[in-house]
């Protein structure tokens, strides 16, 4: 599964439903991936204190981070054009689409992206 940025933020904010679900998926041995775009988005949060960066970076490194390459860029451009997605959302959707994995997100914009399976928490 590919985790959207909002799921990572919800986990870091201590939201029980997200924490419970991700912990259960880890116990079940499910592969949990993130886009390198999500990695950057989380680290760019203005609310992060410099002392938080090390902890948050360590958390993000517990996931397999998929680099945003030219192939993903082309797919993201197509998804962005077709569905009116902003580039970060298109990049994350492209990661799920290219790897044929469900996208876990709270963002309703992904409901209109028929190329991916959406799991909402």
Protein backbone atom coordinates (compact mmCIF):
# COMPACT_ATOMS: atom_id res chain seq x y z
CA UNK A 1 0.00 0.00 0.00
CA UNK A 2 1.06 3.57 -0.64
CA UNK A 3 0.43 5.95 2.26
CA UNK A 4 -0.56 9.52 1.47
CA UNK A 5 1.01 12.42 3.33
CA UNK A 6 -2.17 13.06 5.31
CA UNK A 7 -2.01 9.54 6.76
CA UNK A 8 1.57 10.07 7.90
CA UNK A 9 0.61 13.39 9.50
CA UNK A 10 -2.41 11.82 11.21
CA UNK A 11 -0.13 9.14 12.66
CA UNK A 12 2.34 11.73 13.90
CA UNK A 13 -0.56 13.70 15.41
CA UNK A 14 -1.54 10.62 17.42
CA UNK A 15 -4.85 9.82 15.73
CA UNK A 16 -5.89 6.44 17.18
CA UNK A 17 -7.66 5.07 14.08
CA UNK A 18 -4.61 5.66 11.90
CA UNK A 19 -2.14 4.40 14.50
CA UNK A 20 -4.17 1.24 15.11
CA UNK A 21 -4.59 0.54 11.40
CA UNK A 22 -0.93 1.06 10.49
CA UNK A 23 0.23 -1.02 13.47
CA UNK A 24 -2.15 -3.82 12.47
CA UNK A 25 -0.94 -3.72 8.86
CA UNK A 26 2.68 -3.91 10.04
CA UNK A 27 1.88 -6.90 12.27
CA UNK A 28 0.23 -8.54 9.25
CA UNK A 29 3.41 -7.99 7.26
CA UNK A 30 1.86 -5.68 4.67
CA UNK A 31 4.23 -3.63 2.57
CA UNK A 32 3.80 0.07 3.40
CA UNK A 33 5.33 2.47 0.91
CA UNK A 34 5.52 6.23 0.71
CA UNK A 35 6.42 8.52 -2.15
CA UNK A 36 9.57 10.57 -1.75
CA UNK A 37 7.15 13.48 -2.29
CA UNK A 38 5.37 12.57 0.97
CA UNK A 39 8.76 12.28 2.68
CA UNK A 40 9.51 15.87 1.67
CA UNK A 41 6.01 17.17 2.46
CA UNK A 42 6.14 15.85 6.03
CA UNK A 43 9.63 17.24 6.66
CA UNK A 44 8.51 20.63 5.28
CA UNK A 45 5.68 21.03 7.80
CA UNK A 46 6.06 24.46 9.40
CA UNK A 47 4.88 23.09 12.77
CA UNK A 48 7.93 20.82 13.06
CA UNK A 49 10.43 22.07 15.59
CA UNK A 50 14.09 21.44 14.76
CA UNK A 51 14.18 18.96 17.66
CA UNK A 52 11.35 16.98 16.00
CA UNK A 53 13.14 16.53 12.69
CA UNK A 54 15.28 13.61 13.81
CA UNK A 55 12.32 11.69 15.26
CA UNK A 56 10.12 12.38 12.23
CA UNK A 57 12.88 11.43 9.80
CA UNK A 58 13.45 8.18 11.68
CA UNK A 59 9.69 7.47 11.49
CA UNK A 60 9.58 8.15 7.74
CA UNK A 61 12.54 5.82 7.17
CA UNK A 62 10.50 2.92 8.58
CA UNK A 63 8.65 2.93 5.25
CA UNK A 64 9.95 2.02 1.83
CA UNK A 65 10.31 5.40 0.11
CA UNK A 66 9.76 5.29 -3.65
CA UNK A 67 11.89 7.86 -5.50
CA UNK A 68 10.05 10.23 -7.82
CA UNK A 69 11.65 9.47 -11.19
CA UNK A 70 10.89 10.36 -14.82
CA UNK A 71 8.47 7.47 -15.27
CA UNK A 72 6.48 8.54 -12.23
CA UNK A 73 6.67 12.16 -13.43
CA UNK A 74 5.06 11.22 -16.76
CA UNK A 75 2.33 9.24 -15.03
CA UNK A 76 1.77 12.07 -12.53
CA UNK A 77 1.46 14.57 -15.38
CA UNK A 78 -1.15 12.40 -17.06
CA UNK A 79 -3.14 11.87 -13.85
CA UNK A 80 -2.88 15.56 -13.04
CA UNK A 81 -4.27 16.54 -16.43
CA UNK A 82 -7.03 13.91 -16.41
CA UNK A 83 -8.25 14.50 -12.87
CA UNK A 84 -7.24 18.07 -12.06
CA UNK A 85 -4.74 17.04 -9.38
CA UNK A 86 -2.04 19.28 -7.96
CA UNK A 87 1.46 17.95 -8.57
CA UNK A 88 2.08 16.45 -5.09
CA UNK A 89 -1.25 14.58 -5.20
CA UNK A 90 -0.63 13.48 -8.78
CA UNK A 91 2.84 12.21 -7.83
CA UNK A 92 1.50 10.19 -4.92
CA UNK A 93 -1.34 8.78 -7.05
CA UNK A 94 1.19 7.90 -9.75
CA UNK A 95 3.24 5.97 -7.22
CA UNK A 96 0.20 3.86 -6.38
CA UNK A 97 -0.84 3.45 -10.02
CA UNK A 98 2.60 2.50 -11.38
CA UNK A 99 3.17 -0.06 -8.63
CA UNK A 100 -0.44 -1.35 -8.82
CA UNK A 101 -0.94 -0.75 -5.10
CA UNK A 102 -3.86 0.76 -3.21
CA UNK A 103 -3.50 4.33 -2.00
CA UNK A 104 -4.35 4.99 1.66
CA UNK A 105 -5.59 8.55 2.03
CA UNK A 106 -8.15 10.87 3.58
CA UNK A 107 -8.12 13.14 0.55
CA UNK A 108 -11.41 12.89 -1.32
CA UNK A 109 -9.83 14.16 -4.52
CA UNK A 110 -8.49 10.64 -5.09
CA UNK A 111 -12.04 9.26 -5.34
CA UNK A 112 -12.17 10.45 -8.94
CA UNK A 113 -8.89 8.76 -9.93
CA UNK A 114 -10.10 5.53 -11.50
CA UNK A 115 -6.55 4.28 -12.05
CA UNK A 116 -6.06 3.56 -8.36
CA UNK A 117 -7.78 1.71 -5.57
CA UNK A 118 -8.43 4.08 -2.67
CA UNK A 119 -8.51 2.99 0.99
CA UNK A 120 -9.80 5.66 3.35
CA UNK A 121 -9.08 5.67 7.08
